[in-house]
N, C-alpha and C. Protein backbone atom coordinates (compact mmCIF):
# COMPACT_ATOMS: atom_id res chain seq x y z
N MET A 1 72.48 78.61 89.61
CA MET A 1 72.57 79.83 88.65
C MET A 1 73.70 80.86 89.14
N GLN A 2 73.41 80.97 90.33
CA GLN A 2 74.46 81.91 91.14
C GLN A 2 75.94 81.20 91.08
N PHE A 3 75.87 79.96 91.33
CA PHE A 3 77.17 79.27 91.31
C PHE A 3 77.86 79.24 90.02
N GLN A 4 77.14 79.17 89.20
CA GLN A 4 77.51 79.30 87.55
C GLN A 4 78.12 80.61 87.50
N GLU A 5 77.47 81.53 87.78
CA GLU A 5 77.72 83.04 87.53
C GLU A 5 79.19 83.40 88.28
N LEU A 6 79.32 82.77 89.61
CA LEU A 6 80.45 83.09 90.38
C LEU A 6 81.69 82.20 89.51
N ASN A 7 81.40 81.04 89.13
CA ASN A 7 82.46 80.26 88.40
C ASN A 7 82.92 80.94 87.15
N ALA A 8 81.93 81.79 86.53
CA ALA A 8 82.28 82.44 85.21
C ALA A 8 83.07 83.71 85.69
N ARG A 9 82.83 84.31 86.73
CA ARG A 9 83.46 85.63 86.88
C ARG A 9 84.83 85.37 87.65
N PHE A 10 85.14 84.42 88.47
CA PHE A 10 86.23 84.19 89.13
C PHE A 10 86.97 82.90 88.55
N THR A 11 88.13 83.00 88.14
CA THR A 11 88.95 81.91 87.60
C THR A 11 89.61 81.13 88.88
N GLU A 12 89.93 80.00 88.50
CA GLU A 12 90.50 79.07 89.64
C GLU A 12 91.53 79.80 90.35
N VAL A 13 92.55 80.49 89.59
CA VAL A 13 93.69 81.21 90.41
C VAL A 13 93.13 82.35 91.26
N ASN A 14 92.09 83.11 90.89
CA ASN A 14 91.46 84.07 91.63
C ASN A 14 90.76 83.39 92.85
N SER A 15 90.20 82.43 92.60
CA SER A 15 89.37 81.81 93.70
C SER A 15 90.56 81.25 94.89
N GLU A 16 91.62 80.71 94.37
CA GLU A 16 92.66 80.35 95.33
C GLU A 16 93.33 81.48 95.92
N LEU A 17 93.50 82.55 95.28
CA LEU A 17 94.02 83.88 95.91
C LEU A 17 93.20 84.23 96.91
N LEU A 18 91.71 84.34 96.89
CA LEU A 18 90.87 84.75 97.79
C LEU A 18 90.91 83.75 99.04
N LEU A 19 90.97 82.64 98.73
CA LEU A 19 90.87 81.46 99.83
C LEU A 19 92.23 81.64 100.74
N CYS A 20 93.43 82.00 100.03
CA CYS A 20 94.80 82.18 100.95
C CYS A 20 94.51 83.41 101.68
N VAL A 21 94.15 84.53 100.99
CA VAL A 21 93.90 85.70 101.84
C VAL A 21 92.83 85.59 103.12
N ALA A 22 91.84 84.85 102.75
CA ALA A 22 90.90 84.39 103.94
C ALA A 22 91.65 83.87 105.19
N CYS A 23 92.70 83.30 104.98
CA CYS A 23 93.66 82.57 106.05
C CYS A 23 94.08 83.59 107.12
N LEU A 24 94.32 84.92 106.55
CA LEU A 24 94.61 85.80 107.57
C LEU A 24 93.62 86.43 108.35
N ASN A 25 92.39 86.06 108.08
CA ASN A 25 91.39 86.60 108.87
C ASN A 25 91.45 86.37 110.45
N PRO A 26 91.41 87.35 111.29
CA PRO A 26 91.59 87.21 112.61
C PRO A 26 90.22 86.69 113.46
N SER A 27 89.14 86.76 112.72
CA SER A 27 87.84 86.28 113.45
C SER A 27 88.06 84.86 114.16
N ASN A 28 87.42 84.65 114.99
CA ASN A 28 87.20 83.28 115.82
C ASN A 28 88.65 82.94 116.14
N CYS A 29 89.38 83.82 116.72
CA CYS A 29 90.83 83.46 117.22
C CYS A 29 91.59 82.95 116.34
N PHE A 30 91.53 83.46 114.95
CA PHE A 30 92.54 82.99 113.83
C PHE A 30 92.15 81.48 113.55
N ASN A 31 91.01 81.00 113.68
CA ASN A 31 90.62 79.47 113.25
C ASN A 31 91.10 79.12 111.84
N ASP A 32 90.82 80.18 111.00
CA ASP A 32 91.07 79.77 109.58
C ASP A 32 92.38 79.91 109.06
N PHE A 33 93.52 80.21 110.15
CA PHE A 33 94.71 80.25 109.80
C PHE A 33 95.19 78.73 109.11
N ALA A 34 96.02 79.09 108.07
CA ALA A 34 96.52 77.76 107.21
C ALA A 34 98.02 78.33 106.97
N LYS A 35 98.93 77.78 107.60
CA LYS A 35 100.37 78.14 107.16
C LYS A 35 100.57 77.79 105.53
N GLU A 36 100.12 76.71 105.23
CA GLU A 36 100.26 76.33 103.80
C GLU A 36 99.62 77.20 102.91
N LYS A 37 98.62 77.76 103.01
CA LYS A 37 97.81 78.66 102.21
C LYS A 37 98.59 79.94 102.23
N LEU A 38 99.08 80.23 103.25
CA LEU A 38 99.78 81.59 103.39
C LEU A 38 101.07 81.67 102.61
N ILE A 39 101.80 80.32 102.72
CA ILE A 39 102.96 80.28 101.79
C ILE A 39 102.64 80.20 100.47
N ARG A 40 101.44 79.58 99.94
CA ARG A 40 100.84 79.67 98.53
C ARG A 40 100.60 81.07 98.15
N LEU A 41 100.05 81.84 98.98
CA LEU A 41 99.78 83.22 98.78
C LEU A 41 100.88 83.94 98.49
N VAL A 42 102.05 83.64 99.24
CA VAL A 42 103.45 84.51 98.77
C VAL A 42 103.87 84.11 97.46
N GLU A 43 103.53 82.97 96.99
CA GLU A 43 103.83 82.44 95.49
C GLU A 43 103.19 83.24 94.59
N PHE A 44 102.28 84.04 94.85
CA PHE A 44 101.56 84.93 93.98
C PHE A 44 102.25 86.38 93.98
N TYR A 45 103.20 86.68 94.85
CA TYR A 45 104.14 87.63 94.88
C TYR A 45 105.53 87.47 94.81
N PRO A 46 106.06 86.88 93.68
CA PRO A 46 107.45 86.44 93.61
C PRO A 46 108.34 87.73 93.78
N LYS A 47 108.06 88.79 93.40
CA LYS A 47 108.90 89.90 93.35
C LYS A 47 109.10 90.52 94.83
N GLU A 48 108.01 90.26 95.58
CA GLU A 48 107.92 90.75 96.99
C GLU A 48 108.92 89.94 98.05
N PHE A 49 108.83 88.62 97.74
CA PHE A 49 109.54 87.75 98.71
C PHE A 49 110.63 87.01 98.04
N SER A 50 111.89 87.09 98.37
CA SER A 50 113.07 86.34 98.03
C SER A 50 113.00 84.95 98.58
N PRO A 51 113.63 84.03 98.12
CA PRO A 51 113.60 82.63 98.69
C PRO A 51 114.15 82.61 100.28
N VAL A 52 115.11 83.55 100.54
CA VAL A 52 115.35 83.50 102.02
C VAL A 52 114.34 84.21 102.88
N GLU A 53 113.74 85.19 102.34
CA GLU A 53 112.62 85.80 102.98
C GLU A 53 111.40 84.70 103.10
N LEU A 54 111.42 83.92 102.30
CA LEU A 54 110.21 82.84 102.24
C LEU A 54 110.60 81.79 103.43
N MET A 55 111.90 81.49 103.52
CA MET A 55 112.24 80.70 104.72
C MET A 55 112.09 81.36 106.14
N ILE A 56 112.35 82.52 106.21
CA ILE A 56 112.14 83.33 107.30
C ILE A 56 110.85 83.49 107.61
N LEU A 57 109.77 83.73 106.67
CA LEU A 57 108.39 83.96 106.92
C LEU A 57 107.91 82.60 107.13
N PHE A 58 108.39 81.52 106.74
CA PHE A 58 107.75 80.23 107.40
C PHE A 58 107.98 80.12 108.92
N ASP A 59 109.12 80.56 109.56
CA ASP A 59 109.18 80.50 110.82
C ASP A 59 108.61 81.54 111.38
N GLN A 60 108.45 82.65 111.01
CA GLN A 60 107.74 84.02 111.40
C GLN A 60 106.12 83.50 111.62
N LEU A 61 105.61 82.90 110.75
CA LEU A 61 104.18 82.48 110.76
C LEU A 61 103.89 81.63 112.06
N ASP A 62 104.70 80.70 112.29
CA ASP A 62 104.60 79.95 113.52
C ASP A 62 104.57 80.72 114.74
N SER A 63 105.58 81.62 115.01
CA SER A 63 105.71 82.53 116.07
C SER A 63 104.51 83.57 115.99
N TYR A 64 104.15 84.05 115.05
CA TYR A 64 103.04 84.93 114.93
C TYR A 64 101.75 84.58 115.49
N ILE A 65 101.34 83.34 114.98
CA ILE A 65 100.22 82.85 115.17
C ILE A 65 100.10 82.43 116.67
N PHE A 66 101.13 81.83 117.19
CA PHE A 66 101.15 81.46 118.59
C PHE A 66 101.00 82.97 119.51
N ASP A 67 101.81 83.81 119.01
CA ASP A 67 101.68 85.11 119.76
C ASP A 67 100.34 85.82 119.93
N VAL A 68 99.70 85.82 118.55
CA VAL A 68 98.43 86.44 118.64
C VAL A 68 97.31 85.72 119.11
N GLN A 69 97.35 84.42 119.14
CA GLN A 69 96.36 83.70 119.73
C GLN A 69 96.26 83.81 121.13
N LEU A 70 97.45 84.05 122.03
CA LEU A 70 97.55 84.09 123.25
C LEU A 70 97.18 85.42 123.82
N ASN A 71 97.27 86.56 122.93
CA ASN A 71 97.19 87.94 123.29
C ASN A 71 95.85 88.32 123.28
N GLU A 72 95.28 88.86 124.28
CA GLU A 72 94.00 89.23 124.35
C GLU A 72 93.64 90.33 123.51
N ASP A 73 94.38 91.12 123.13
CA ASP A 73 94.26 92.26 122.30
C ASP A 73 93.66 91.87 120.98
N PHE A 74 94.32 90.54 120.55
CA PHE A 74 93.82 90.29 119.23
C PHE A 74 92.74 89.27 119.02
N SER A 75 91.97 89.12 120.18
CA SER A 75 90.94 88.31 120.23
C SER A 75 89.43 88.80 119.80
N ARG A 76 89.43 90.02 119.78
CA ARG A 76 88.31 90.61 119.33
C ARG A 76 88.25 91.48 117.95
N LEU A 77 89.15 91.06 117.10
CA LEU A 77 89.27 91.76 115.91
C LEU A 77 88.37 91.09 114.88
N ASN A 78 87.92 92.12 113.90
CA ASN A 78 86.70 91.41 112.96
C ASN A 78 87.28 91.48 111.61
N GLY A 79 88.35 91.95 111.23
CA GLY A 79 88.80 91.77 109.95
C GLY A 79 90.33 92.09 109.68
N LEU A 80 90.71 92.22 108.46
CA LEU A 80 91.94 92.45 108.02
C LEU A 80 92.47 93.87 108.44
N ASN A 81 91.62 94.82 108.37
CA ASN A 81 91.71 96.13 108.54
C ASN A 81 92.09 96.45 110.19
N ASP A 82 91.25 95.75 110.84
CA ASP A 82 91.49 95.69 112.32
C ASP A 82 92.91 95.08 112.74
N LEU A 83 93.14 93.89 112.07
CA LEU A 83 94.25 93.37 112.40
C LEU A 83 95.57 94.03 112.03
N SER A 84 95.59 94.84 110.93
CA SER A 84 96.81 95.64 110.70
C SER A 84 96.85 96.96 111.61
N LYS A 85 95.66 97.34 112.04
CA LYS A 85 95.85 98.49 113.01
C LYS A 85 96.39 97.86 114.20
N LYS A 86 95.92 96.89 114.75
CA LYS A 86 96.38 96.33 116.01
C LYS A 86 97.90 95.82 115.95
N MET A 87 98.24 95.38 114.84
CA MET A 87 99.73 95.09 114.60
C MET A 87 100.55 96.22 114.79
N VAL A 88 100.14 97.50 114.24
CA VAL A 88 100.89 98.55 114.39
C VAL A 88 101.00 99.08 115.76
N GLU A 89 99.80 99.23 116.39
CA GLU A 89 99.43 99.63 117.91
C GLU A 89 100.55 98.89 118.57
N THR A 90 100.67 97.72 118.30
CA THR A 90 101.42 96.76 119.46
C THR A 90 102.69 96.57 119.27
N GLY A 91 103.12 97.04 117.91
CA GLY A 91 104.52 96.83 117.62
C GLY A 91 105.01 95.40 116.76
N ARG A 92 103.99 94.92 116.48
CA ARG A 92 104.08 93.60 115.75
C ARG A 92 104.51 93.72 114.45
N ASP A 93 104.14 94.81 113.98
CA ASP A 93 104.37 95.08 112.50
C ASP A 93 106.13 95.06 112.29
N LYS A 94 106.84 95.52 113.40
CA LYS A 94 108.24 95.47 113.51
C LYS A 94 108.75 94.10 113.89
N LEU A 95 107.97 93.52 114.50
CA LEU A 95 108.47 92.02 115.39
C LEU A 95 108.43 91.01 114.21
N TYR A 96 107.16 91.15 113.23
CA TYR A 96 106.88 90.08 112.32
C TYR A 96 106.75 90.87 110.97
N PRO A 97 107.96 91.60 110.45
CA PRO A 97 107.77 92.27 109.22
C PRO A 97 107.28 91.71 108.03
N LEU A 98 107.50 90.27 107.93
CA LEU A 98 106.95 89.75 106.54
C LEU A 98 105.64 89.33 106.62
N VAL A 99 105.25 88.99 107.80
CA VAL A 99 103.81 88.64 108.04
C VAL A 99 103.09 89.99 107.81
N TYR A 100 103.48 90.97 108.45
CA TYR A 100 102.86 92.46 108.06
C TYR A 100 102.79 92.86 106.52
N LEU A 101 103.83 92.37 105.81
CA LEU A 101 103.97 92.68 104.33
C LEU A 101 102.99 91.86 103.73
N LEU A 102 102.77 90.79 104.07
CA LEU A 102 101.73 89.76 103.54
C LEU A 102 100.32 90.42 103.84
N LEU A 103 100.18 90.84 104.98
CA LEU A 103 98.73 91.46 105.27
C LEU A 103 98.79 92.68 104.49
N LYS A 104 99.56 93.57 104.31
CA LYS A 104 99.39 94.50 103.55
C LYS A 104 99.13 94.36 102.02
N LEU A 105 99.74 93.27 101.30
CA LEU A 105 99.43 92.78 100.13
C LEU A 105 97.98 92.44 100.03
N ALA A 106 97.53 91.84 101.10
CA ALA A 106 96.18 91.36 100.94
C ALA A 106 95.14 92.57 101.14
N LEU A 107 95.52 93.45 101.85
CA LEU A 107 94.70 94.79 102.02
C LEU A 107 94.70 95.62 100.59
N ILE A 108 95.67 95.54 100.05
CA ILE A 108 95.74 96.31 98.74
C ILE A 108 95.14 95.79 97.47
N LEU A 109 95.02 94.27 97.58
CA LEU A 109 94.40 93.50 96.37
C LEU A 109 93.05 94.06 95.95
N PRO A 110 92.00 94.33 96.92
CA PRO A 110 90.85 94.77 96.34
C PRO A 110 90.81 96.14 95.50
N VAL A 111 91.90 97.05 96.12
CA VAL A 111 92.01 98.35 95.60
C VAL A 111 92.56 98.36 94.49
N ALA A 112 93.61 97.64 94.20
CA ALA A 112 94.32 97.36 92.87
C ALA A 112 93.53 96.68 91.85
N THR A 113 92.60 95.77 92.24
CA THR A 113 91.79 94.96 91.17
C THR A 113 90.65 96.01 90.92
N ALA A 114 90.03 96.82 91.84
CA ALA A 114 88.93 97.82 91.34
C ALA A 114 89.46 98.84 90.47
N THR A 115 90.80 99.33 90.68
CA THR A 115 91.34 100.32 89.92
C THR A 115 91.48 99.85 88.49
N ASP A 116 92.01 98.71 88.33
CA ASP A 116 92.17 97.97 86.85
C ASP A 116 90.72 97.94 86.34
N GLU A 117 89.72 97.60 87.00
CA GLU A 117 88.47 97.46 86.36
C GLU A 117 87.90 98.69 85.99
N ARG A 118 88.10 99.62 86.84
CA ARG A 118 87.58 101.23 86.49
C ARG A 118 88.33 101.76 85.17
N VAL A 119 89.62 101.43 84.99
CA VAL A 119 90.25 101.79 83.82
C VAL A 119 89.80 101.01 82.55
N PHE A 120 89.48 99.74 82.55
CA PHE A 120 88.92 99.26 81.59
C PHE A 120 87.47 99.57 81.19
N SER A 121 86.73 99.79 82.23
CA SER A 121 85.34 100.41 81.90
C SER A 121 85.62 101.67 81.31
N ALA A 122 86.54 102.56 81.72
CA ALA A 122 86.56 103.88 80.99
C ALA A 122 87.08 103.74 79.52
N MET A 123 87.96 102.76 79.37
CA MET A 123 88.35 102.60 78.03
C MET A 123 87.21 102.03 77.08
N ASN A 124 86.45 101.34 77.60
CA ASN A 124 85.27 100.88 76.81
C ASN A 124 84.37 101.90 76.54
N ILE A 125 84.10 102.92 77.49
CA ILE A 125 83.37 104.10 77.03
C ILE A 125 83.95 104.98 75.93
N VAL A 126 85.15 105.09 76.17
CA VAL A 126 85.87 105.98 75.23
C VAL A 126 85.84 105.31 73.74
N LYS A 127 86.12 103.91 73.81
CA LYS A 127 86.34 103.36 72.44
C LYS A 127 85.06 103.31 71.83
N ASN A 128 83.82 103.02 72.66
CA ASN A 128 82.63 103.05 71.85
C ASN A 128 82.22 104.36 71.41
N ARG A 129 82.44 105.57 72.16
CA ARG A 129 82.12 106.90 71.56
C ARG A 129 83.02 107.24 70.29
N LEU A 130 84.20 106.81 70.30
CA LEU A 130 85.03 106.96 69.21
C LEU A 130 84.56 106.01 67.97
N ARG A 131 84.07 104.94 68.33
CA ARG A 131 83.66 104.08 67.16
C ARG A 131 82.30 104.69 66.53
N ASN A 132 81.47 105.17 67.53
CA ASN A 132 80.15 105.77 66.92
C ASN A 132 80.38 107.01 66.16
N ARG A 133 81.34 107.69 66.41
CA ARG A 133 81.69 108.97 65.58
C ARG A 133 82.43 108.66 64.48
N MET A 134 82.79 107.57 64.17
CA MET A 134 84.03 107.27 62.96
C MET A 134 83.09 107.05 61.87
N ASN A 135 83.54 107.27 60.72
CA ASN A 135 82.71 106.97 59.50
C ASN A 135 83.59 106.08 58.73
N ASP A 136 82.95 105.45 57.54
CA ASP A 136 83.66 104.51 56.72
C ASP A 136 84.82 105.32 56.17
């Protein structure tokens, strides 16, 4: 029953987006890292990445994962928030700017979605009150 509810709530595209974002997770020494899924994540943001930047990102991802897996500072991170802070502290946001942009997009995704949901909820409340006050 819960599985059906989740399937009804999340479309296939939403599920794919969440799986792609999960590849950025730094827990377990970046075991969930999948370059193909991160490239797929970039395809959800066509205005943020040009075709040239996509090729550069492809190379940056290899260097990035090699770098952070060897660095002791990145071994104890728990989530995307910790990862973004550590990247800024160590200057890797400048070294891997496209990876950092991808990380920022992943971090703002829940906020942007929640804001949209709140707007639609508020619209429904207003619409219902107006409908209730309207006469024939």
